[in-house]
PDB file of N, CA and C in Angstrom:
ATOM      1  N   MET A   1     -51.266 -31.157  14.647  1.00  0.00           N
ATOM      2  CA  MET A   1     -50.170 -32.133  14.992  1.00  0.00           C
ATOM      3  C   MET A   1     -48.909 -31.689  14.355  1.00  0.00           C
ATOM      4  N   ASN A   2     -49.104 -31.190  13.146  1.00  0.00           N
ATOM      5  CA  ASN A   2     -47.876 -30.802  12.186  1.00  0.00           C
ATOM      6  C   ASN A   2     -47.427 -29.462  12.832  1.00  0.00           C
ATOM      7  N   LYS A   3     -48.117 -28.610  13.321  1.00  0.00           N
ATOM      8  CA  LYS A   3     -47.654 -27.358  13.991  1.00  0.00           C
ATOM      9  C   LYS A   3     -46.858 -27.613  15.239  1.00  0.00           C
ATOM     10  N   ILE A   4     -47.356 -28.689  16.024  1.00  0.00           N
ATOM     11  CA  ILE A   4     -46.698 -29.075  17.244  1.00  0.00           C
ATOM     12  C   ILE A   4     -45.268 -29.574  16.920  1.00  0.00           C
ATOM     13  N   LYS A   5     -45.019 -30.297  15.994  1.00  0.00           N
ATOM     14  CA  LYS A   5     -43.676 -31.018  15.527  1.00  0.00           C
ATOM     15  C   LYS A   5     -42.866 -29.853  15.124  1.00  0.00           C
ATOM     16  N   ILE A   6     -43.228 -28.749  14.389  1.00  0.00           N
ATOM     17  CA  ILE A   6     -42.426 -27.766  13.983  1.00  0.00           C
ATOM     18  C   ILE A   6     -42.107 -26.850  15.229  1.00  0.00           C
ATOM     19  N   ILE A   7     -42.964 -26.589  16.168  1.00  0.00           N
ATOM     20  CA  ILE A   7     -42.559 -25.858  17.279  1.00  0.00           C
ATOM     21  C   ILE A   7     -41.617 -26.665  18.173  1.00  0.00           C
ATOM     22  N   LEU A   8     -41.888 -28.009  18.320  1.00  0.00           N
ATOM     23  CA  LEU A   8     -40.996 -28.746  18.989  1.00  0.00           C
ATOM     24  C   LEU A   8     -39.485 -28.654  18.397  1.00  0.00           C
ATOM     25  N   PHE A   9     -39.358 -28.764  17.118  1.00  0.00           N
ATOM     26  CA  PHE A   9     -38.100 -28.709  16.315  1.00  0.00           C
ATOM     27  C   PHE A   9     -37.357 -27.341  16.513  1.00  0.00           C
ATOM     28  N   ILE A  10     -38.195 -26.192  16.631  1.00  0.00           N
ATOM     29  CA  ILE A  10     -37.616 -24.989  17.027  1.00  0.00           C
ATOM     30  C   ILE A  10     -37.176 -24.945  18.202  1.00  0.00           C
ATOM     31  N   ILE A  11     -37.737 -25.366  19.211  1.00  0.00           N
ATOM     32  CA  ILE A  11     -37.543 -25.354  20.717  1.00  0.00           C
ATOM     33  C   ILE A  11     -36.188 -26.115  20.834  1.00  0.00           C
ATOM     34  N   ILE A  12     -36.068 -27.335  20.189  1.00  0.00           N
ATOM     35  CA  ILE A  12     -34.945 -28.283  20.351  1.00  0.00           C
ATOM     36  C   ILE A  12     -33.723 -27.532  19.691  1.00  0.00           C
ATOM     37  N   GLY A  13     -34.010 -26.925  18.562  1.00  0.00           N
ATOM     38  CA  GLY A  13     -32.854 -26.134  17.819  1.00  0.00           C
ATOM     39  C   GLY A  13     -32.300 -25.074  18.790  1.00  0.00           C
ATOM     40  N   PHE A  14     -33.135 -24.344  19.338  1.00  0.00           N
ATOM     41  CA  PHE A  14     -32.896 -23.250  20.157  1.00  0.00           C
ATOM     42  C   PHE A  14     -32.024 -23.662  21.425  1.00  0.00           C
ATOM     43  N   VAL A  15     -32.454 -24.842  21.989  1.00  0.00           N
ATOM     44  CA  VAL A  15     -31.658 -25.365  23.192  1.00  0.00           C
ATOM     45  C   VAL A  15     -30.295 -25.743  22.783  1.00  0.00           C
ATOM     46  N   ILE A  16     -30.234 -26.463  21.603  1.00  0.00           N
ATOM     47  CA  ILE A  16     -28.869 -26.822  21.195  1.00  0.00           C
ATOM     48  C   ILE A  16     -28.033 -25.692  20.860  1.00  0.00           C
ATOM     49  N   TYR A  17     -28.466 -24.511  20.237  1.00  0.00           N
ATOM     50  CA  TYR A  17     -27.949 -23.342  20.111  1.00  0.00           C
ATOM     51  C   TYR A  17     -27.426 -22.730  21.311  1.00  0.00           C
ATOM     52  N   LYS A  18     -28.193 -22.515  22.241  1.00  0.00           N
ATOM     53  CA  LYS A  18     -27.840 -22.030  23.628  1.00  0.00           C
ATOM     54  C   LYS A  18     -26.881 -22.836  24.128  1.00  0.00           C
ATOM     55  N   GLY A  19     -26.826 -24.112  24.143  1.00  0.00           N
ATOM     56  CA  GLY A  19     -25.833 -24.935  24.754  1.00  0.00           C
ATOM     57  C   GLY A  19     -24.312 -24.821  24.043  1.00  0.00           C
ATOM     58  N   VAL A  20     -24.276 -24.655  22.683  1.00  0.00           N
ATOM     59  CA  VAL A  20     -23.208 -24.301  21.970  1.00  0.00           C
ATOM     60  C   VAL A  20     -22.528 -23.048  22.440  1.00  0.00           C
ATOM     61  N   VAL A  21     -23.379 -22.015  22.317  1.00  0.00           N
ATOM     62  CA  VAL A  21     -22.897 -20.549  22.896  1.00  0.00           C
ATOM     63  C   VAL A  21     -22.350 -20.717  24.256  1.00  0.00           C
ATOM     64  N   ALA A  22     -23.125 -21.291  25.192  1.00  0.00           N
ATOM     65  CA  ALA A  22     -22.664 -21.263  26.550  1.00  0.00           C
ATOM     66  C   ALA A  22     -21.264 -22.075  26.544  1.00  0.00           C
ATOM     67  N   PHE A  23     -21.085 -23.099  25.871  1.00  0.00           N
ATOM     68  CA  PHE A  23     -19.882 -23.858  25.947  1.00  0.00           C
ATOM     69  C   PHE A  23     -18.740 -23.009  25.276  1.00  0.00           C
ATOM     70  N   LYS A  24     -18.955 -22.277  24.338  1.00  0.00           N
ATOM     71  CA  LYS A  24     -17.794 -21.447  23.775  1.00  0.00           C
ATOM     72  C   LYS A  24     -17.586 -20.385  24.612  1.00  0.00           C
ATOM     73  N   ASN A  25     -18.585 -19.726  25.272  1.00  0.00           N
ATOM     74  CA  ASN A  25     -18.315 -18.678  26.202  1.00  0.00           C
ATOM     75  C   ASN A  25     -17.527 -19.124  27.424  1.00  0.00           C
ATOM     76  N   PHE A  26     -17.720 -20.374  27.778  1.00  0.00           N
ATOM     77  CA  PHE A  26     -17.036 -20.883  29.038  1.00  0.00           C
ATOM     78  C   PHE A  26     -15.627 -21.221  28.579  1.00  0.00           C
ATOM     79  N   GLU A  27     -15.335 -21.629  27.352  1.00  0.00           N
ATOM     80  CA  GLU A  27     -13.853 -21.677  26.995  1.00  0.00           C
ATOM     81  C   GLU A  27     -13.274 -20.424  26.993  1.00  0.00           C
ATOM     82  N   ILE A  28     -13.952 -19.262  26.350  1.00  0.00           N
ATOM     83  CA  ILE A  28     -13.171 -18.109  26.221  1.00  0.00           C
ATOM     84  C   ILE A  28     -12.991 -17.490  27.599  1.00  0.00           C
ATOM     85  N   GLY A  29     -13.994 -17.604  28.457  1.00  0.00           N
ATOM     86  CA  GLY A  29     -13.928 -17.121  29.848  1.00  0.00           C
ATOM     87  C   GLY A  29     -12.695 -17.680  30.564  1.00  0.00           C
ATOM     88  N   VAL A  30     -12.575 -19.136  30.342  1.00  0.00           N
ATOM     89  CA  VAL A  30     -11.551 -19.790  31.080  1.00  0.00           C
ATOM     90  C   VAL A  30     -10.189 -19.384  30.605  1.00  0.00           C
ATOM     91  N   SER A  31     -10.074 -19.267  29.412  1.00  0.00           N
ATOM     92  CA  SER A  31      -8.603 -18.838  28.709  1.00  0.00           C
ATOM     93  C   SER A  31      -8.393 -17.345  29.295  1.00  0.00           C
ATOM     94  N   ASP A  32      -9.323 -16.571  29.332  1.00  0.00           N
ATOM     95  CA  ASP A  32      -9.077 -15.167  29.754  1.00  0.00           C
ATOM     96  C   ASP A  32      -8.593 -15.048  31.213  1.00  0.00           C
ATOM     97  N   LYS A  33      -9.244 -16.000  32.064  1.00  0.00           N
ATOM     98  CA  LYS A  33      -9.109 -16.087  33.431  1.00  0.00           C
ATOM     99  C   LYS A  33      -7.678 -16.568  33.793  1.00  0.00           C
ATOM    100  N   VAL A  34      -7.161 -17.651  32.985  1.00  0.00           N
ATOM    101  CA  VAL A  34      -5.860 -18.010  33.179  1.00  0.00           C
ATOM    102  C   VAL A  34      -4.758 -16.959  32.889  1.00  0.00           C
ATOM    103  N   ALA A  35      -5.059 -16.249  31.819  1.00  0.00           N
ATOM    104  CA  ALA A  35      -4.166 -15.086  31.557  1.00  0.00           C
ATOM    105  C   ALA A  35      -4.190 -13.989  32.505  1.00  0.00           C
ATOM    106  N   GLU A  36      -5.353 -13.789  33.072  1.00  0.00           N
ATOM    107  CA  GLU A  36      -5.268 -12.882  34.245  1.00  0.00           C
ATOM    108  C   GLU A  36      -4.684 -13.357  35.467  1.00  0.00           C
ATOM    109  N   ILE A  37      -4.806 -14.686  35.748  1.00  0.00           N
ATOM    110  CA  ILE A  37      -4.231 -15.351  36.969  1.00  0.00           C
ATOM    111  C   ILE A  37      -2.670 -15.373  36.774  1.00  0.00           C
ATOM    112  N   GLU A  38      -2.196 -15.683  35.556  1.00  0.00           N
ATOM    113  CA  GLU A  38      -0.748 -15.626  35.218  1.00  0.00           C
ATOM    114  C   GLU A  38      -0.194 -14.138  35.384  1.00  0.00           C
ATOM    115  N   GLU A  39      -0.912 -13.191  34.914  1.00  0.00           N
ATOM    116  CA  GLU A  39      -0.424 -11.790  35.017  1.00  0.00           C
ATOM    117  C   GLU A  39      -0.292 -11.271  36.458  1.00  0.00           C
ATOM    118  N   LEU A  40      -1.397 -11.711  37.208  1.00  0.00           N
ATOM    119  CA  LEU A  40      -1.337 -11.372  38.750  1.00  0.00           C
ATOM    120  C   LEU A  40      -0.282 -12.158  39.465  1.00  0.00           C
ATOM    121  N   ALA A  41       0.167 -13.417  38.971  1.00  0.00           N
ATOM    122  CA  ALA A  41       1.125 -14.150  39.856  1.00  0.00           C
ATOM    123  C   ALA A  41       2.439 -13.750  39.319  1.00  0.00           C
ATOM    124  N   ASP A  42       2.573 -12.651  38.471  1.00  0.00           N
ATOM    125  CA  ASP A  42       4.007 -12.283  38.014  1.00  0.00           C
ATOM    126  C   ASP A  42       4.649 -13.510  37.244  1.00  0.00           C
ATOM    127  N   PHE A  43       3.832 -14.481  36.572  1.00  0.00           N
ATOM    128  CA  PHE A  43       4.366 -15.558  35.755  1.00  0.00           C
ATOM    129  C   PHE A  43       4.788 -15.164  34.497  1.00  0.00           C
ATOM    130  N   GLU A  44       5.931 -15.581  34.040  1.00  0.00           N
ATOM    131  CA  GLU A  44       6.552 -15.325  32.722  1.00  0.00           C
ATOM    132  C   GLU A  44       6.728 -16.499  31.987  1.00  0.00           C
ATOM    133  N   LYS A  45       6.330 -16.501  30.697  1.00  0.00           N
ATOM    134  CA  LYS A  45       6.542 -17.701  29.943  1.00  0.00           C
ATOM    135  C   LYS A  45       7.118 -17.329  28.465  1.00  0.00           C
ATOM    136  N   GLU A  46       7.537 -18.096  27.834  1.00  0.00           N
ATOM    137  CA  GLU A  46       8.127 -17.869  26.435  1.00  0.00           C
ATOM    138  C   GLU A  46       7.189 -18.420  25.401  1.00  0.00           C
ATOM    139  N   GLY A  47       7.035 -17.758  24.432  1.00  0.00           N
ATOM    140  CA  GLY A  47       6.174 -18.070  23.283  1.00  0.00           C
ATOM    141  C   GLY A  47       6.207 -17.497  21.888  1.00  0.00           C
ATOM    142  N   GLU A  48       5.572 -17.845  20.984  1.00  0.00           N
ATOM    143  CA  GLU A  48       5.720 -17.207  19.751  1.00  0.00           C
ATOM    144  C   GLU A  48       4.213 -16.562  19.574  1.00  0.00           C
ATOM    145  N   VAL A  49       4.513 -15.056  19.412  1.00  0.00           N
ATOM    146  CA  VAL A  49       3.271 -14.258  19.232  1.00  0.00           C
ATOM    147  C   VAL A  49       3.455 -13.160  18.068  1.00  0.00           C
ATOM    148  N   ILE A  50       2.400 -12.626  17.799  1.00  0.00           N
ATOM    149  CA  ILE A  50       2.542 -11.545  16.862  1.00  0.00           C
ATOM    150  C   ILE A  50       2.503 -10.272  17.589  1.00  0.00           C
ATOM    151  N   GLY A  51       3.570  -9.415  17.055  1.00  0.00           N
ATOM    152  CA  GLY A  51       3.818  -7.992  17.913  1.00  0.00           C
ATOM    153  C   GLY A  51       4.039  -6.958  16.825  1.00  0.00           C
ATOM    154  N   LEU A  52       3.433  -5.668  17.165  1.00  0.00           N
ATOM    155  CA  LEU A  52       3.964  -4.631  16.503  1.00  0.00           C
ATOM    156  C   LEU A  52       5.174  -3.840  17.051  1.00  0.00           C
ATOM    157  N   MET A  53       6.195  -3.806  16.400  1.00  0.00           N
ATOM    158  CA  MET A  53       7.652  -3.198  16.847  1.00  0.00           C
ATOM    159  C   MET A  53       7.756  -1.719  16.284  1.00  0.00           C
ATOM    160  N   MET A  54       8.242  -1.078  17.188  1.00  0.00           N
ATOM    161  CA  MET A  54       8.652   0.527  16.945  1.00  0.00           C
ATOM    162  C   MET A  54      10.026   0.508  16.978  1.00  0.00           C
ATOM    163  N   TYR A  55      10.657   1.000  15.879  1.00  0.00           N
ATOM    164  CA  TYR A  55      11.927   1.310  15.859  1.00  0.00           C
ATOM    165  C   TYR A  55      12.367   2.951  15.470  1.00  0.00           C
ATOM    166  N   LEU A  56      13.354   3.328  16.337  1.00  0.00           N
ATOM    167  CA  LEU A  56      13.837   4.620  16.390  1.00  0.00           C
ATOM    168  C   LEU A  56      15.298   4.778  16.114  1.00  0.00           C
ATOM    169  N   GLY A  57      15.744   5.815  15.726  1.00  0.00           N
ATOM    170  CA  GLY A  57      17.180   6.213  15.490  1.00  0.00           C
ATOM    171  C   GLY A  57      17.720   5.674  14.319  1.00  0.00           C
ATOM    172  N   ASN A  58      19.114   6.065  14.176  1.00  0.00           N
ATOM    173  CA  ASN A  58      19.932   5.658  12.989  1.00  0.00           C
ATOM    174  C   ASN A  58      21.264   5.110  13.532  1.00  0.00           C
ATOM    175  N   PRO A  59      21.502   3.707  13.530  1.00  0.00           N
ATOM    176  CA  PRO A  59      20.748   2.780  12.954  1.00  0.00           C
ATOM    177  C   PRO A  59      19.439   2.363  13.913  1.00  0.00           C
ATOM    178  N   LEU A  60      18.586   1.841  13.140  1.00  0.00           N
ATOM    179  CA  LEU A  60      17.220   1.538  13.950  1.00  0.00           C
ATOM    180  C   LEU A  60      17.431   0.700  14.955  1.00  0.00           C
ATOM    181  N   GLU A  61      16.723   1.012  16.032  1.00  0.00           N
ATOM    182  CA  GLU A  61      16.790   0.336  17.424  1.00  0.00           C
ATOM    183  C   GLU A  61      15.562   0.271  17.955  1.00  0.00           C
ATOM    184  N   LEU A  62      15.281  -0.980  18.365  1.00  0.00           N
ATOM    185  CA  LEU A  62      13.777  -1.528  18.799  1.00  0.00           C
ATOM    186  C   LEU A  62      13.591  -0.645  20.219  1.00  0.00           C
ATOM    187  N   LYS A  63      12.484   0.086  20.293  1.00  0.00           N
ATOM    188  CA  LYS A  63      12.140   0.968  21.400  1.00  0.00           C
ATOM    189  C   LYS A  63      10.867   0.519  22.009  1.00  0.00           C
ATOM    190  N   GLU A  64       9.887  -0.055  21.374  1.00  0.00           N
ATOM    191  CA  GLU A  64       8.706  -0.385  21.924  1.00  0.00           C
ATOM    192  C   GLU A  64       8.238  -1.800  21.074  1.00  0.00           C
ATOM    193  N   HIS A  65       7.468  -2.423  21.768  1.00  0.00           N
ATOM    194  CA  HIS A  65       6.594  -3.725  21.293  1.00  0.00           C
ATOM    195  C   HIS A  65       5.356  -3.699  21.923  1.00  0.00           C
ATOM    196  N   LEU A  66       4.533  -4.213  21.194  1.00  0.00           N
ATOM    197  CA  LEU A  66       3.027  -4.475  21.527  1.00  0.00           C
ATOM    198  C   LEU A  66       2.414  -5.793  21.175  1.00  0.00           C
ATOM    199  N   TYR A  67       1.832  -6.460  21.911  1.00  0.00           N
ATOM    200  CA  TYR A  67       1.302  -7.772  21.593  1.00  0.00           C
ATOM    201  C   TYR A  67      -0.001  -7.540  20.768  1.00  0.00           C
ATOM    202  N   THR A  68      -0.281  -8.201  19.800  1.00  0.00           N
ATOM    203  CA  THR A  68      -1.529  -8.095  18.964  1.00  0.00           C
ATOM    204  C   THR A  68      -2.106  -9.395  18.863  1.00  0.00           C
ATOM    205  N   ALA A  69      -3.479  -9.420  18.778  1.00  0.00           N
ATOM    206  CA  ALA A  69      -4.093 -10.759  18.887  1.00  0.00           C
ATOM    207  C   ALA A  69      -4.120 -11.491  17.493  1.00  0.00           C
ATOM    208  N   SER A  70      -3.803 -10.753  16.257  1.00  0.00           N
ATOM    209  CA  SER A  70      -3.844 -11.379  14.939  1.00  0.00           C
ATOM    210  C   SER A  70      -3.023 -10.455  14.086  1.00  0.00           C
ATOM    211  N   ARG A  71      -2.770 -11.184  12.846  1.00  0.00           N
ATOM    212  CA  ARG A  71      -1.989 -10.300  11.850  1.00  0.00           C
ATOM    213  C   ARG A  71      -2.646  -9.131  11.303  1.00  0.00           C
ATOM    214  N   SER A  72      -4.061  -9.410  11.085  1.00  0.00           N
ATOM    215  CA  SER A  72      -4.890  -8.329  10.515  1.00  0.00           C
ATOM    216  C   SER A  72      -4.883  -7.062  11.552  1.00  0.00           C
ATOM    217  N   LYS A  73      -4.912  -7.378  12.793  1.00  0.00           N
ATOM    218  CA  LYS A  73      -5.081  -6.455  13.892  1.00  0.00           C
ATOM    219  C   LYS A  73      -3.653  -5.622  13.949  1.00  0.00           C
ATOM    220  N   CYS A  74      -2.536  -6.460  13.790  1.00  0.00           N
ATOM    221  CA  CYS A  74      -1.178  -5.682  13.892  1.00  0.00           C
ATOM    222  C   CYS A  74      -1.187  -4.820  12.620  1.00  0.00           C
ATOM    223  N   LEU A  75      -1.502  -5.338  11.408  1.00  0.00           N
ATOM    224  CA  LEU A  75      -1.462  -4.435  10.284  1.00  0.00           C
ATOM    225  C   LEU A  75      -2.304  -3.207  10.287  1.00  0.00           C
ATOM    226  N   GLU A  76      -3.480  -3.473  10.885  1.00  0.00           N
ATOM    227  CA  GLU A  76      -4.211  -2.165  11.167  1.00  0.00           C
ATOM    228  C   GLU A  76      -3.785  -1.309  12.113  1.00  0.00           C
ATOM    229  N   LEU A  77      -3.151  -1.707  13.165  1.00  0.00           N
ATOM    230  CA  LEU A  77      -2.569  -0.918  14.183  1.00  0.00           C
ATOM    231  C   LEU A  77      -1.173  -0.169  13.614  1.00  0.00           C
ATOM    232  N   LYS A  78      -0.438  -0.863  12.703  1.00  0.00           N
ATOM    233  CA  LYS A  78       0.709  -0.421  12.135  1.00  0.00           C
ATOM    234  C   LYS A  78       0.256   0.938  11.173  1.00  0.00           C
ATOM    235  N   GLU A  79      -0.769   0.696  10.316  1.00  0.00           N
ATOM    236  CA  GLU A  79      -1.126   1.665   9.498  1.00  0.00           C
ATOM    237  C   GLU A  79      -1.557   2.959  10.318  1.00  0.00           C
ATOM    238  N   ILE A  80      -2.419   2.791  11.536  1.00  0.00           N
ATOM    239  CA  ILE A  80      -2.721   3.915  12.178  1.00  0.00           C
ATOM    240  C   ILE A  80      -1.406   4.572  12.880  1.00  0.00           C
ATOM    241  N   ALA A  81      -0.494   3.734  13.299  1.00  0.00           N
ATOM    242  CA  ALA A  81       0.810   4.427  13.918  1.00  0.00           C
ATOM    243  C   ALA A  81       1.698   5.113  13.075  1.00  0.00           C
ATOM    244  N   GLU A  82       1.618   4.633  11.767  1.00  0.00           N
ATOM    245  CA  GLU A  82       2.433   5.237  10.664  1.00  0.00           C
ATOM    246  C   GLU A  82       1.925   6.696  10.325  1.00  0.00           C
ATOM    247  N   GLU A  83       0.595   6.757  10.256  1.00  0.00           N
ATOM    248  CA  GLU A  83       0.019   8.065  10.042  1.00  0.00           C
ATOM    249  C   GLU A  83       0.089   9.122  11.169  1.00  0.00           C
ATOM    250  N   SER A  84       0.575   8.634  12.239  1.00  0.00           N
ATOM    251  CA  SER A  84       0.672   9.803  13.396  1.00  0.00           C
ATOM    252  C   SER A  84       2.073   9.837  13.885  1.00  0.00           C
ATOM    253  N   SER A  85       3.075   9.231  13.216  1.00  0.00           N
ATOM    254  CA  SER A  85       4.311   9.101  13.859  1.00  0.00           C
ATOM    255  C   SER A  85       5.382   8.997  12.876  1.00  0.00           C
ATOM    256  N   PHE A  86       6.622   9.507  13.201  1.00  0.00           N
ATOM    257  CA  PHE A  86       7.876   9.405  12.174  1.00  0.00           C
ATOM    258  C   PHE A  86       8.741   8.176  12.477  1.00  0.00           C
ATOM    259  N   ALA A  87       8.365   7.351  13.365  1.00  0.00           N
ATOM    260  CA  ALA A  87       8.994   6.071  13.574  1.00  0.00           C
ATOM    261  C   ALA A  87       8.826   4.974  12.626  1.00  0.00           C
ATOM    262  N   TYR A  88       9.656   3.912  12.601  1.00  0.00           N
ATOM    263  CA  TYR A  88       9.575   2.862  11.670  1.00  0.00           C
ATOM    264  C   TYR A  88       8.642   1.827  12.406  1.00  0.00           C
ATOM    265  N   TYR A  89       7.724   1.353  11.783  1.00  0.00           N
ATOM    266  CA  TYR A  89       6.983   0.206  12.409  1.00  0.00           C
ATOM    267  C   TYR A  89       7.056  -1.033  11.662  1.00  0.00           C
ATOM    268  N   GLU A  90       6.874  -2.095  12.325  1.00  0.00           N
ATOM    269  CA  GLU A  90       6.722  -3.337  11.545  1.00  0.00           C
ATOM    270  C   GLU A  90       6.026  -4.491  12.355  1.00  0.00           C
ATOM    271  N   CYS A  91       5.272  -5.162  11.761  1.00  0.00           N
ATOM    272  CA  CYS A  91       4.452  -6.283  12.328  1.00  0.00           C
ATOM    273  C   CYS A  91       5.445  -7.611  12.243  1.00  0.00           C
ATOM    274  N   ALA A  92       5.635  -8.494  13.194  1.00  0.00           N
ATOM    275  CA  ALA A  92       6.451  -9.559  13.145  1.00  0.00           C
ATOM    276  C   ALA A  92       5.920 -10.568  13.918  1.00  0.00           C
ATOM    277  N   LYS A  93       6.287 -11.834  13.540  1.00  0.00           N
ATOM    278  CA  LYS A  93       5.999 -13.081  14.488  1.00  0.00           C
ATOM    279  C   LYS A  93       7.408 -13.250  15.260  1.00  0.00           C
ATOM    280  N   VAL A  94       7.339 -13.261  16.551  1.00  0.00           N
ATOM    281  CA  VAL A  94       8.303 -13.082  17.368  1.00  0.00           C
ATOM    282  C   VAL A  94       8.494 -14.075  18.497  1.00  0.00           C
ATOM    283  N   ASN A  95       9.573 -14.556  19.030  1.00  0.00           N
ATOM    284  CA  ASN A  95       9.641 -15.406  20.124  1.00  0.00           C
ATOM    285  C   ASN A  95       9.911 -14.563  21.253  1.00  0.00           C
ATOM    286  N   ALA A  96       8.930 -14.494  22.147  1.00  0.00           N
ATOM    287  CA  ALA A  96       9.133 -13.507  23.303  1.00  0.00           C
ATOM    288  C   ALA A  96       8.984 -14.039  24.611  1.00  0.00           C
ATOM    289  N   VAL A  97       9.358 -13.250  25.490  1.00  0.00           N
ATOM    290  CA  VAL A  97       8.891 -13.565  26.957  1.00  0.00           C
ATOM    291  C   VAL A  97       7.519 -12.912  27.228  1.00  0.00           C
ATOM    292  N   LEU A  98       6.579 -13.513  27.717  1.00  0.00           N
ATOM    293  CA  LEU A  98       5.303 -12.930  27.879  1.00  0.00           C
ATOM    294  C   LEU A  98       4.992 -12.988  29.480  1.00  0.00           C
ATOM    295  N   LYS A  99       4.167 -12.011  29.968  1.00  0.00           N
ATOM    296  CA  LYS A  99       3.468 -11.950  31.080  1.00  0.00           C
ATOM    297  C   LYS A  99       2.061 -11.661  30.905  1.00  0.00           C
ATOM    298  N   GLY A 100       1.179 -12.535  31.057  1.00  0.00           N
ATOM    299  CA  GLY A 100      -0.080 -12.275  30.651  1.00  0.00           C
ATOM    300  C   GLY A 100      -0.189 -12.357  29.178  1.00  0.00           C
ATOM    301  N   LYS A 101      -0.709 -11.113  28.747  1.00  0.00           N
ATOM    302  CA  LYS A 101      -0.944 -10.857  27.367  1.00  0.00           C
ATOM    303  C   LYS A 101      -0.064  -9.645  27.028  1.00  0.00           C
ATOM    304  N   LYS A 102       0.991  -9.551  27.518  1.00  0.00           N
ATOM    305  CA  LYS A 102       2.089  -8.489  27.427  1.00  0.00           C
ATOM    306  C   LYS A 102       3.486  -9.006  26.946  1.00  0.00           C
ATOM    307  N   ILE A 103       4.065  -8.322  26.142  1.00  0.00           N
ATOM    308  CA  ILE A 103       5.246  -8.832  25.756  1.00  0.00           C
ATOM    309  C   ILE A 103       6.337  -8.153  26.734  1.00  0.00           C
ATOM    310  N   VAL A 104       7.095  -8.861  27.380  1.00  0.00           N
ATOM    311  CA  VAL A 104       8.199  -8.358  28.311  1.00  0.00           C
ATOM    312  C   VAL A 104       9.482  -8.097  27.562  1.00  0.00           C
ATOM    313  N   SER A 105       9.821  -9.097  26.964  1.00  0.00           N
ATOM    314  CA  SER A 105      10.966  -8.847  25.937  1.00  0.00           C
ATOM    315  C   SER A 105      10.943  -9.721  24.665  1.00  0.00           C
ATOM    316  N   ILE A 106      11.691  -9.236  23.721  1.00  0.00           N
ATOM    317  CA  ILE A 106      11.854 -10.054  22.524  1.00  0.00           C
ATOM    318  C   ILE A 106      13.045 -10.808  22.498  1.00  0.00           C
ATOM    319  N   ILE A 107      12.990 -12.083  22.208  1.00  0.00           N
ATOM    320  CA  ILE A 107      14.023 -13.086  22.238  1.00  0.00           C
ATOM    321  C   ILE A 107      14.763 -13.230  20.847  1.00  0.00           C
ATOM    322  N   GLU A 108      13.691 -13.290  19.753  1.00  0.00           N
ATOM    323  CA  GLU A 108      14.017 -13.320  18.479  1.00  0.00           C
ATOM    324  C   GLU A 108      12.968 -13.123  17.639  1.00  0.00           C
ATOM    325  N   GLU A 109      13.319 -12.467  16.427  1.00  0.00           N
ATOM    326  CA  GLU A 109      12.247 -12.232  15.457  1.00  0.00           C
ATOM    327  C   GLU A 109      12.257 -13.234  14.502  1.00  0.00           C
ATOM    328  N   ILE A 110      11.134 -13.936  14.358  1.00  0.00           N
ATOM    329  CA  ILE A 110      10.999 -15.031  13.360  1.00  0.00           C
ATOM    330  C   ILE A 110      10.753 -14.627  12.000  1.00  0.00           C
ATOM    331  N   GLU A 111       9.633 -13.845  11.746  1.00  0.00           N
ATOM    332  CA  GLU A 111       9.098 -13.597  10.390  1.00  0.00           C
ATOM    333  C   GLU A 111       8.380 -12.213  10.452  1.00  0.00           C
ATOM    334  N   VAL A 112       8.654 -11.183   9.380  1.00  0.00           N
ATOM    335  CA  VAL A 112       8.178 -10.185   9.206  1.00  0.00           C
ATOM    336  C   VAL A 112       6.817 -10.268   8.536  1.00  0.00           C
ATOM    337  N   ILE A 113       5.927  -9.690   8.820  1.00  0.00           N
ATOM    338  CA  ILE A 113       4.560  -9.658   8.222  1.00  0.00           C
ATOM    339  C   ILE A 113       4.321  -8.479   7.412  1.00  0.00           C
ATOM    340  N   GLU A 114       4.010  -8.781   6.181  1.00  0.00           N
ATOM    341  CA  GLU A 114       3.693  -7.605   5.289  1.00  0.00           C
ATOM    342  C   GLU A 114       2.273  -7.546   4.947  1.00  0.00           C
TER     343      GLU A 114
END
């Protein structure tokens, strides 16, 4: 009888685990689908994001920008870019016009991330 209870608890725990994983995957899938639909519909919105900025020239002029998912990812990409280029790079929290998960234009730089 004791072994049956243990097996029952394991099965219940597994079912709960699978339910939580399925729910989280559904939430992630929905947000990705929304971004994909916005991009296909040519829908632009304004928001605060973290971006990797590339500056060239003297004085420095913004030439490129790249949407990044997090501060750590931006700093990682910045390090890689600086090793292979002579441009000046910085990670910054910016107010930007977005199309899906792409930065269309920078409205204002809010904070530089070090």
